Amino acid sequence: MIRAGYIALLLTTLIGCDARWFPGAWKTYEHPTYRFQIEYPASWEKIENTPFGSEVLFRAPDQNELFRSTANVLVEELKNPQISLQTLVALSEKQLKALLKDYSVLSRAPLQFGSVQAREIRGKYFGSEGERRIRTILMIHNGLQFILTFSNSARNDTKIQPMFNEILDSFVFQKPRK
């Protein structure tokens, strides 16, 4: 009887934390045109072709909060194929400052996705419920710019960042179809 209780507690804990190694806890999304793959918690809502232009958005289950944590992927053709990643980062920071209330950069860091270089910008801004955090990852691949954005309320930041890291770590470019 005690063993069954421990097993039930373990299963509840694993399902609650969406451990990637637990069967069924994560789903895989593959974009048919842009050839990328990303994993997300099975409990999160998937929305494709959002009104904001994202190819796909993943939204955390209702957290009884005004603002729900999200992860999304936007892909755009490069208008200037000669543009550098550093220039894209500078333009993105300028755009974020124009769009988000009191946006400020917290940090910048280089990232790597296979052979593709990327840059991450971590920032904060303010919404109706208070401070929010946003991570923007930019990369250029096959004449396209990929922008991955993770946003959440500041009070959830410590709790949600490990989940965002898991999602980000799962992002891969698929090989082109023959």
N, C-alpha and C. Protein backbone atom coordinates (compact mmCIF):
# COMPACT_ATOMS: atom_id res chain seq x y z
N MET A 1 0.83 -1.19 0.00
CA MET A 1 0.00 0.00 0.00
C MET A 1 0.87 1.26 0.00
N ILE A 2 1.92 1.27 0.83
CA ILE A 2 2.80 2.43 0.89
C ILE A 2 3.53 2.59 -0.43
N ARG A 3 3.97 1.46 -1.03
CA ARG A 3 4.67 1.51 -2.31
C ARG A 3 3.77 2.13 -3.38
N ALA A 4 2.50 1.78 -3.43
CA ALA A 4 1.56 2.34 -4.41
C ALA A 4 1.42 3.85 -4.21
N GLY A 5 1.44 4.29 -2.96
CA GLY A 5 1.36 5.73 -2.67
C GLY A 5 2.58 6.47 -3.18
N TYR A 6 3.76 5.89 -2.99
CA TYR A 6 4.99 6.51 -3.49
C TYR A 6 5.00 6.57 -5.02
N ILE A 7 4.54 5.51 -5.64
CA ILE A 7 4.48 5.48 -7.11
C ILE A 7 3.51 6.54 -7.62
N ALA A 8 2.35 6.66 -6.99
CA ALA A 8 1.38 7.69 -7.40
C ALA A 8 1.95 9.09 -7.20
N LEU A 9 2.65 9.30 -6.09
CA LEU A 9 3.26 10.60 -5.84
C LEU A 9 4.34 10.90 -6.88
N LEU A 10 5.16 9.91 -7.21
CA LEU A 10 6.20 10.08 -8.21
C LEU A 10 5.59 10.42 -9.57
N LEU A 11 4.56 9.69 -9.98
CA LEU A 11 3.92 9.96 -11.28
C LEU A 11 3.30 11.35 -11.31
N THR A 12 2.65 11.75 -10.24
CA THR A 12 2.06 13.09 -10.17
C THR A 12 3.14 14.15 -10.28
N THR A 13 4.25 13.96 -9.60
CA THR A 13 5.36 14.91 -9.65
C THR A 13 5.94 14.99 -11.04
N LEU A 14 6.16 13.86 -11.68
CA LEU A 14 6.73 13.84 -13.02
C LEU A 14 5.82 14.49 -14.05
N ILE A 15 4.54 14.19 -13.98
CA ILE A 15 3.61 14.79 -14.93
C ILE A 15 3.51 16.29 -14.69
N GLY A 16 3.51 16.70 -13.43
CA GLY A 16 3.43 18.12 -13.10
C GLY A 16 4.62 18.91 -13.60
N CYS A 17 5.82 18.31 -13.62
CA CYS A 17 7.00 19.06 -14.03
C CYS A 17 7.32 18.84 -15.51
N ASP A 18 6.54 18.03 -16.20
CA ASP A 18 6.73 17.79 -17.63
C ASP A 18 8.14 17.30 -17.96
N ALA A 19 8.67 16.36 -17.18
CA ALA A 19 10.00 15.82 -17.44
C ALA A 19 10.06 15.25 -18.85
N ARG A 20 11.07 15.67 -19.62
CA ARG A 20 11.17 15.26 -21.03
C ARG A 20 11.34 13.77 -21.21
N TRP A 21 11.97 13.12 -20.26
CA TRP A 21 12.21 11.70 -20.41
C TRP A 21 10.99 10.86 -20.08
N PHE A 22 9.96 11.47 -19.51
CA PHE A 22 8.74 10.73 -19.16
C PHE A 22 7.87 10.59 -20.41
N PRO A 23 7.55 9.37 -20.83
CA PRO A 23 6.77 9.17 -22.06
C PRO A 23 5.47 9.97 -22.07
N GLY A 24 5.25 10.70 -23.16
CA GLY A 24 4.03 11.47 -23.33
C GLY A 24 4.03 12.84 -22.70
N ALA A 25 5.08 13.18 -21.96
CA ALA A 25 5.12 14.48 -21.28
C ALA A 25 5.46 15.61 -22.24
N TRP A 26 6.12 15.28 -23.36
CA TRP A 26 6.51 16.28 -24.36
C TRP A 26 6.04 15.86 -25.73
N LYS A 27 5.77 16.85 -26.57
CA LYS A 27 5.39 16.62 -27.97
C LYS A 27 6.44 17.25 -28.87
N THR A 28 6.48 16.81 -30.10
CA THR A 28 7.41 17.35 -31.08
C THR A 28 6.63 18.06 -32.17
N TYR A 29 7.05 19.28 -32.49
CA TYR A 29 6.46 20.05 -33.58
C TYR A 29 7.49 20.13 -34.70
N GLU A 30 7.07 19.82 -35.93
CA GLU A 30 7.93 19.94 -37.10
C GLU A 30 7.26 20.87 -38.10
N HIS A 31 7.97 21.91 -38.51
CA HIS A 31 7.41 22.83 -39.49
C HIS A 31 7.71 22.29 -40.89
N PRO A 32 6.68 22.09 -41.72
CA PRO A 32 6.87 21.46 -43.02
C PRO A 32 7.62 22.33 -44.04
N THR A 33 7.50 23.63 -43.95
CA THR A 33 8.14 24.52 -44.93
C THR A 33 9.54 24.94 -44.50
N TYR A 34 9.66 25.41 -43.27
CA TYR A 34 10.93 25.98 -42.81
C TYR A 34 11.87 24.94 -42.21
N ARG A 35 11.41 23.70 -42.11
CA ARG A 35 12.27 22.57 -41.76
C ARG A 35 12.98 22.72 -40.41
N PHE A 36 12.23 23.09 -39.39
CA PHE A 36 12.78 23.07 -38.04
C PHE A 36 11.90 22.19 -37.18
N GLN A 37 12.48 21.72 -36.10
CA GLN A 37 11.77 20.87 -35.16
C GLN A 37 12.01 21.41 -33.77
N ILE A 38 10.98 21.35 -32.94
CA ILE A 38 11.09 21.83 -31.56
C ILE A 38 10.16 21.00 -30.69
N GLU A 39 10.59 20.74 -29.48
CA GLU A 39 9.76 19.99 -28.54
C GLU A 39 9.15 20.95 -27.53
N TYR A 40 7.97 20.59 -27.05
CA TYR A 40 7.27 21.43 -26.07
C TYR A 40 6.48 20.54 -25.11
N PRO A 41 6.21 21.05 -23.91
CA PRO A 41 5.45 20.25 -22.94
C PRO A 41 4.06 19.91 -23.49
N ALA A 42 3.66 18.67 -23.31
CA ALA A 42 2.37 18.21 -23.82
C ALA A 42 1.20 18.98 -23.22
N SER A 43 1.39 19.54 -22.02
CA SER A 43 0.32 20.28 -21.37
C SER A 43 0.14 21.69 -21.94
N TRP A 44 1.08 22.12 -22.80
CA TRP A 44 1.00 23.46 -23.37
C TRP A 44 0.15 23.46 -24.63
N GLU A 45 -0.53 24.57 -24.87
CA GLU A 45 -1.35 24.76 -26.07
C GLU A 45 -0.44 25.15 -27.25
N LYS A 46 -0.69 24.54 -28.41
CA LYS A 46 0.06 24.87 -29.63
C LYS A 46 -0.88 25.66 -30.56
N ILE A 47 -0.40 26.82 -31.03
CA ILE A 47 -1.18 27.65 -31.95
C ILE A 47 -0.29 27.93 -33.15
N GLU A 48 -0.75 27.55 -34.34
CA GLU A 48 0.03 27.78 -35.56
C GLU A 48 -0.45 29.02 -36.28
N ASN A 49 0.47 29.65 -37.03
CA ASN A 49 0.15 30.84 -37.84
C ASN A 49 -0.63 31.87 -37.04
N THR A 50 0.02 32.41 -36.02
CA THR A 50 -0.64 33.35 -35.11
C THR A 50 -0.93 34.68 -35.80
N PRO A 51 -1.83 35.48 -35.25
CA PRO A 51 -2.10 36.80 -35.81
C PRO A 51 -0.88 37.72 -35.78
N PHE A 52 0.10 37.40 -34.92
CA PHE A 52 1.30 38.23 -34.80
C PHE A 52 2.38 37.80 -35.78
N GLY A 53 2.10 36.81 -36.62
CA GLY A 53 3.05 36.39 -37.64
C GLY A 53 3.95 35.24 -37.26
N SER A 54 3.82 34.72 -36.07
CA SER A 54 4.64 33.57 -35.66
C SER A 54 4.18 32.32 -36.41
N GLU A 55 5.14 31.47 -36.71
CA GLU A 55 4.80 30.19 -37.34
C GLU A 55 4.10 29.30 -36.33
N VAL A 56 4.58 29.35 -35.10
CA VAL A 56 3.98 28.55 -34.04
C VAL A 56 4.22 29.22 -32.70
N LEU A 57 3.23 29.12 -31.83
CA LEU A 57 3.31 29.65 -30.48
C LEU A 57 2.89 28.54 -29.52
N PHE A 58 3.61 28.40 -28.44
CA PHE A 58 3.28 27.44 -27.40
C PHE A 58 2.96 28.24 -26.14
N ARG A 59 1.79 27.96 -25.55
CA ARG A 59 1.35 28.73 -24.38
C ARG A 59 1.14 27.79 -23.20
N ALA A 60 1.70 28.17 -22.07
CA ALA A 60 1.57 27.36 -20.84
C ALA A 60 0.11 27.25 -20.45
N PRO A 61 -0.22 26.19 -19.74
CA PRO A 61 -1.60 26.05 -19.26
C PRO A 61 -1.97 27.24 -18.38
N ASP A 62 -3.25 27.45 -18.21
CA ASP A 62 -3.72 28.56 -17.38
C ASP A 62 -3.03 28.51 -16.02
N GLN A 63 -2.31 29.56 -15.72
CA GLN A 63 -1.56 29.64 -14.46
C GLN A 63 -2.27 30.55 -13.46
N ASN A 64 -3.58 30.79 -13.70
CA ASN A 64 -4.35 31.71 -12.87
C ASN A 64 -3.67 33.07 -12.79
N GLU A 65 -3.13 33.48 -13.91
CA GLU A 65 -2.48 34.77 -14.00
C GLU A 65 -3.00 35.49 -15.24
N LEU A 66 -2.83 36.80 -15.24
CA LEU A 66 -3.25 37.60 -16.37
C LEU A 66 -2.40 37.29 -17.60
N PHE A 67 -1.11 37.03 -17.39
CA PHE A 67 -0.18 36.81 -18.50
C PHE A 67 0.39 35.40 -18.41
N ARG A 68 0.17 34.59 -19.45
CA ARG A 68 0.66 33.21 -19.46
C ARG A 68 2.01 33.13 -20.15
N SER A 69 2.87 32.26 -19.68
CA SER A 69 4.18 32.05 -20.28
C SER A 69 4.02 31.51 -21.70
N THR A 70 4.86 32.01 -22.61
CA THR A 70 4.78 31.59 -24.01
C THR A 70 6.16 31.37 -24.60
N ALA A 71 6.20 30.53 -25.61
CA ALA A 71 7.39 30.32 -26.43
C ALA A 71 6.89 30.36 -27.87
N ASN A 72 7.57 31.12 -28.74
CA ASN A 72 7.11 31.14 -30.12
C ASN A 72 8.28 31.23 -31.09
N VAL A 73 7.99 30.83 -32.32
CA VAL A 73 9.00 30.84 -33.38
C VAL A 73 8.44 31.64 -34.56
N LEU A 74 9.21 32.66 -34.94
CA LEU A 74 8.87 33.50 -36.09
C LEU A 74 9.97 33.29 -37.14
N VAL A 75 9.57 33.14 -38.39
CA VAL A 75 10.53 32.97 -39.48
C VAL A 75 10.19 33.99 -40.56
N GLU A 76 11.20 34.74 -41.00
CA GLU A 76 11.01 35.73 -42.06
C GLU A 76 12.15 35.64 -43.05
N GLU A 77 11.81 35.94 -44.29
CA GLU A 77 12.84 36.03 -45.30
C GLU A 77 13.69 37.27 -45.03
N LEU A 78 14.98 37.15 -45.21
CA LEU A 78 15.85 38.31 -45.02
C LEU A 78 15.65 39.28 -46.19
N LYS A 79 15.31 40.51 -45.87
CA LYS A 79 15.14 41.52 -46.92
C LYS A 79 16.50 41.91 -47.50
N ASN A 80 17.52 41.88 -46.68
CA ASN A 80 18.89 42.16 -47.10
C ASN A 80 19.75 40.94 -46.77
N PRO A 81 20.06 40.10 -47.76
CA PRO A 81 20.82 38.88 -47.48
C PRO A 81 22.23 39.13 -46.95
N GLN A 82 22.72 40.37 -47.06
CA GLN A 82 24.06 40.71 -46.57
C GLN A 82 24.07 41.13 -45.11
N ILE A 83 22.90 41.24 -44.48
CA ILE A 83 22.82 41.74 -43.11
C ILE A 83 23.51 40.76 -42.16
N SER A 84 24.20 41.30 -41.18
CA SER A 84 24.89 40.46 -40.21
C SER A 84 23.98 40.15 -39.02
N LEU A 85 24.33 39.11 -38.31
CA LEU A 85 23.59 38.74 -37.11
C LEU A 85 23.67 39.86 -36.06
N GLN A 86 24.82 40.50 -35.94
CA GLN A 86 24.98 41.59 -34.98
C GLN A 86 24.05 42.76 -35.32
N THR A 87 23.88 43.04 -36.61
CA THR A 87 22.98 44.11 -37.04
C THR A 87 21.53 43.73 -36.71
N LEU A 88 21.17 42.47 -36.93
CA LEU A 88 19.82 42.01 -36.58
C LEU A 88 19.56 42.17 -35.09
N VAL A 89 20.55 41.86 -34.28
CA VAL A 89 20.40 42.01 -32.82
C VAL A 89 20.16 43.48 -32.47
N ALA A 90 20.94 44.37 -33.05
CA ALA A 90 20.77 45.80 -32.78
C ALA A 90 19.39 46.29 -33.21
N LEU A 91 18.95 45.86 -34.39
CA LEU A 91 17.61 46.25 -34.87
C LEU A 91 16.52 45.67 -33.98
N SER A 92 16.69 44.44 -33.52
CA SER A 92 15.70 43.82 -32.64
C SER A 92 15.59 44.55 -31.32
N GLU A 93 16.73 44.93 -30.76
CA GLU A 93 16.71 45.68 -29.50
C GLU A 93 15.98 47.01 -29.68
N LYS A 94 16.23 47.66 -30.78
CA LYS A 94 15.56 48.94 -31.07
C LYS A 94 14.04 48.72 -31.19
N GLN A 95 13.64 47.65 -31.88
CA GLN A 95 12.22 47.36 -32.06
C GLN A 95 11.57 47.00 -30.72
N LEU A 96 12.25 46.20 -29.90
CA LEU A 96 11.70 45.84 -28.60
C LEU A 96 11.51 47.07 -27.71
N LYS A 97 12.45 48.00 -27.77
CA LYS A 97 12.32 49.24 -26.99
C LYS A 97 11.13 50.07 -27.46
N ALA A 98 10.86 50.04 -28.77
CA ALA A 98 9.74 50.81 -29.31
C ALA A 98 8.38 50.15 -28.99
N LEU A 99 8.35 48.83 -28.94
CA LEU A 99 7.08 48.11 -28.77
C LEU A 99 6.69 47.82 -27.33
N LEU A 100 7.67 47.61 -26.46
CA LEU A 100 7.38 47.16 -25.11
C LEU A 100 7.64 48.27 -24.08
N LYS A 101 6.71 48.42 -23.17
CA LYS A 101 6.80 49.49 -22.16
C LYS A 101 8.02 49.31 -21.27
N ASP A 102 8.86 50.35 -21.25
CA ASP A 102 10.05 50.39 -20.39
C ASP A 102 10.98 49.20 -20.60
N TYR A 103 11.11 48.74 -21.85
CA TYR A 103 11.99 47.61 -22.16
C TYR A 103 13.44 47.98 -21.89
N SER A 104 14.17 47.07 -21.27
CA SER A 104 15.62 47.24 -21.11
C SER A 104 16.30 45.89 -21.23
N VAL A 105 17.52 45.91 -21.76
CA VAL A 105 18.30 44.69 -21.94
C VAL A 105 18.94 44.31 -20.62
N LEU A 106 18.81 43.04 -20.26
CA LEU A 106 19.47 42.51 -19.06
C LEU A 106 20.79 41.85 -19.40
N SER A 107 20.83 41.15 -20.55
CA SER A 107 22.08 40.48 -20.96
C SER A 107 22.00 40.10 -22.43
N ARG A 108 23.18 39.81 -22.98
CA ARG A 108 23.32 39.32 -24.35
C ARG A 108 24.30 38.15 -24.30
N ALA A 109 24.07 37.14 -25.15
CA ALA A 109 24.97 35.99 -25.16
C ALA A 109 24.96 35.31 -26.52
N PRO A 110 26.11 34.76 -26.93
CA PRO A 110 26.14 33.97 -28.15
C PRO A 110 25.60 32.56 -27.88
N LEU A 111 24.97 31.97 -28.89
CA LEU A 111 24.47 30.59 -28.81
C LEU A 111 24.86 29.88 -30.11
N GLN A 112 24.69 28.57 -30.12
CA GLN A 112 25.01 27.78 -31.30
C GLN A 112 23.95 26.70 -31.47
N PHE A 113 23.43 26.55 -32.69
CA PHE A 113 22.49 25.49 -33.03
C PHE A 113 23.12 24.69 -34.15
N GLY A 114 23.82 23.63 -33.81
CA GLY A 114 24.59 22.90 -34.81
C GLY A 114 25.67 23.83 -35.34
N SER A 115 25.66 24.05 -36.65
CA SER A 115 26.64 24.95 -37.25
C SER A 115 26.13 26.39 -37.35
N VAL A 116 24.93 26.63 -36.89
CA VAL A 116 24.30 27.95 -37.01
C VAL A 116 24.55 28.78 -35.75
N GLN A 117 25.15 29.95 -35.95
CA GLN A 117 25.38 30.86 -34.83
C GLN A 117 24.10 31.62 -34.52
N ALA A 118 23.92 31.93 -33.25
CA ALA A 118 22.74 32.67 -32.81
C ALA A 118 23.16 33.64 -31.72
N ARG A 119 22.27 34.57 -31.42
CA ARG A 119 22.48 35.52 -30.33
C ARG A 119 21.21 35.57 -29.49
N GLU A 120 21.41 35.64 -28.19
CA GLU A 120 20.28 35.74 -27.27
C GLU A 120 20.30 37.10 -26.59
N ILE A 121 19.13 37.71 -26.51
CA ILE A 121 18.95 38.95 -25.76
C ILE A 121 17.95 38.64 -24.65
N ARG A 122 18.34 38.92 -23.43
CA ARG A 122 17.39 38.80 -22.31
C ARG A 122 17.02 40.21 -21.88
N GLY A 123 15.73 40.41 -21.69
CA GLY A 123 15.28 41.74 -21.31
C GLY A 123 14.10 41.70 -20.36
N LYS A 124 13.70 42.89 -19.94
CA LYS A 124 12.52 43.01 -19.10
C LYS A 124 11.69 44.18 -19.62
N TYR A 125 10.41 44.12 -19.35
CA TYR A 125 9.50 45.20 -19.69
C TYR A 125 8.31 45.11 -18.75
N PHE A 126 7.35 45.99 -18.91
CA PHE A 126 6.23 46.03 -17.98
C PHE A 126 4.90 45.85 -18.70
N GLY A 127 4.06 44.99 -18.13
CA GLY A 127 2.71 44.76 -18.61
C GLY A 127 1.72 45.18 -17.54
N SER A 128 0.45 44.96 -17.80
CA SER A 128 -0.59 45.41 -16.86
C SER A 128 -0.49 44.75 -15.49
N GLU A 129 0.08 43.53 -15.44
CA GLU A 129 0.18 42.85 -14.14
C GLU A 129 1.52 43.08 -13.45
N GLY A 130 2.43 43.77 -14.14
CA GLY A 130 3.74 44.04 -13.54
C GLY A 130 4.88 43.70 -14.48
N GLU A 131 6.03 43.43 -13.89
CA GLU A 131 7.24 43.19 -14.69
C GLU A 131 7.16 41.84 -15.41
N ARG A 132 7.62 41.86 -16.65
CA ARG A 132 7.71 40.65 -17.46
C ARG A 132 9.15 40.46 -17.92
N ARG A 133 9.50 39.24 -18.25
CA ARG A 133 10.82 38.91 -18.79
C ARG A 133 10.65 38.35 -20.20
N ILE A 134 11.61 38.64 -21.04
CA ILE A 134 11.55 38.18 -22.42
C ILE A 134 12.95 37.76 -22.88
N ARG A 135 13.03 36.60 -23.49
CA ARG A 135 14.27 36.10 -24.10
C ARG A 135 14.03 36.05 -25.59
N THR A 136 14.92 36.66 -26.35
CA THR A 136 14.81 36.68 -27.81
C THR A 136 16.07 36.05 -28.38
N ILE A 137 15.90 35.00 -29.17
CA ILE A 137 17.03 34.31 -29.80
C ILE A 137 16.92 34.55 -31.30
N LEU A 138 17.99 35.08 -31.89
CA LEU A 138 18.01 35.41 -33.31
C LEU A 138 19.07 34.57 -34.01
N MET A 139 18.72 34.08 -35.22
CA MET A 139 19.69 33.35 -36.02
C MET A 139 19.34 33.48 -37.50
N ILE A 140 20.33 33.31 -38.33
CA ILE A 140 20.15 33.36 -39.78
C ILE A 140 20.51 31.98 -40.34
N HIS A 141 19.59 31.43 -41.15
CA HIS A 141 19.80 30.10 -41.72
C HIS A 141 19.12 30.02 -43.08
N ASN A 142 19.88 29.70 -44.12
CA ASN A 142 19.34 29.53 -45.48
C ASN A 142 18.54 30.74 -45.97
N GLY A 143 19.07 31.94 -45.73
CA GLY A 143 18.43 33.16 -46.20
C GLY A 143 17.20 33.59 -45.41
N LEU A 144 17.00 32.97 -44.25
CA LEU A 144 15.86 33.29 -43.40
C LEU A 144 16.36 33.72 -42.03
N GLN A 145 15.59 34.59 -41.38
CA GLN A 145 15.88 34.90 -39.99
C GLN A 145 14.88 34.15 -39.12
N PHE A 146 15.41 33.49 -38.12
CA PHE A 146 14.60 32.75 -37.15
C PHE A 146 14.66 33.52 -35.85
N ILE A 147 13.49 33.78 -35.27
CA ILE A 147 13.41 34.50 -34.00
C ILE A 147 12.58 33.65 -33.03
N LEU A 148 13.23 33.18 -31.99
CA LEU A 148 12.55 32.43 -30.95
C LEU A 148 12.38 33.37 -29.76
N THR A 149 11.17 33.44 -29.24
CA THR A 149 10.90 34.35 -28.14
C THR A 149 10.24 33.57 -27.00
N PHE A 150 10.74 33.80 -25.81
CA PHE A 150 10.19 33.20 -24.60
C PHE A 150 9.81 34.35 -23.67
N SER A 151 8.56 34.39 -23.23
CA SER A 151 8.14 35.48 -22.34
C SER A 151 7.33 34.93 -21.17
N ASN A 152 7.44 35.63 -20.06
CA ASN A 152 6.75 35.21 -18.84
C ASN A 152 6.73 36.37 -17.86
N SER A 153 5.92 36.23 -16.81
CA SER A 153 5.92 37.25 -15.77
C SER A 153 7.20 37.11 -14.95
N ALA A 154 7.69 38.20 -14.42
CA ALA A 154 8.95 38.19 -13.65
C ALA A 154 8.83 37.29 -12.42
N ARG A 155 7.66 37.23 -11.81
CA ARG A 155 7.53 36.41 -10.60
C ARG A 155 7.61 34.92 -10.92
N ASN A 156 7.37 34.53 -12.20
CA ASN A 156 7.49 33.13 -12.62
C ASN A 156 8.85 32.82 -13.20
N ASP A 157 9.73 33.80 -13.29
CA ASP A 157 10.97 33.65 -14.05
C ASP A 157 11.82 32.47 -13.60
N THR A 158 12.10 32.36 -12.33
CA THR A 158 12.95 31.28 -11.83
C THR A 158 12.31 29.92 -12.08
N LYS A 159 11.01 29.84 -11.94
CA LYS A 159 10.29 28.58 -12.12
C LYS A 159 10.23 28.15 -13.59
N ILE A 160 10.03 29.09 -14.51
CA ILE A 160 9.79 28.74 -15.91
C ILE A 160 11.07 28.63 -16.74
N GLN A 161 12.15 29.26 -16.34
CA GLN A 161 13.37 29.24 -17.15
C GLN A 161 13.90 27.84 -17.44
N PRO A 162 13.88 26.89 -16.50
CA PRO A 162 14.32 25.53 -16.85
C PRO A 162 13.47 24.92 -17.98
N MET A 163 12.17 25.20 -17.97
CA MET A 163 11.29 24.71 -19.04
C MET A 163 11.67 25.37 -20.37
N PHE A 164 11.88 26.69 -20.35
CA PHE A 164 12.29 27.40 -21.56
C PHE A 164 13.62 26.84 -22.08
N ASN A 165 14.55 26.54 -21.17
CA ASN A 165 15.83 25.97 -21.60
C ASN A 165 15.65 24.62 -22.28
N GLU A 166 14.76 23.81 -21.77
CA GLU A 166 14.47 22.50 -22.38
C GLU A 166 13.90 22.68 -23.79
N ILE A 167 12.97 23.61 -23.93
CA ILE A 167 12.37 23.88 -25.24
C ILE A 167 13.46 24.37 -26.19
N LEU A 168 14.25 25.32 -25.76
CA LEU A 168 15.31 25.87 -26.59
C LEU A 168 16.34 24.80 -26.98
N ASP A 169 16.72 23.97 -26.04
CA ASP A 169 17.70 22.92 -26.32
C ASP A 169 17.18 21.90 -27.33
N SER A 170 15.87 21.80 -27.47
CA SER A 170 15.31 20.82 -28.41
C SER A 170 15.24 21.34 -29.85
N PHE A 171 15.45 22.64 -30.04
CA PHE A 171 15.31 23.24 -31.38
C PHE A 171 16.42 22.73 -32.29
N VAL A 172 16.03 22.18 -33.46
CA VAL A 172 17.00 21.73 -34.46
C VAL A 172 16.48 22.06 -35.87
N PHE A 173 17.44 22.26 -36.76
CA PHE A 173 17.10 22.39 -38.18
C PHE A 173 17.11 20.99 -38.77
N GLN A 174 16.08 20.67 -39.52
CA GLN A 174 16.01 19.37 -40.16
C GLN A 174 16.74 19.43 -41.50
N LYS A 175 17.18 18.28 -41.97
CA LYS A 175 17.83 18.23 -43.27
C LYS A 175 16.80 18.49 -44.36
N PRO A 176 17.20 19.19 -45.44
CA PRO A 176 16.27 19.46 -46.53
C PRO A 176 15.78 18.15 -47.17
N ARG A 177 14.56 18.17 -47.64
CA ARG A 177 14.01 17.01 -48.35
C ARG A 177 14.68 16.88 -49.70
N LYS A 178 14.82 15.66 -50.15
CA LYS A 178 15.43 15.42 -51.47
C LYS A 178 14.41 15.41 -52.56
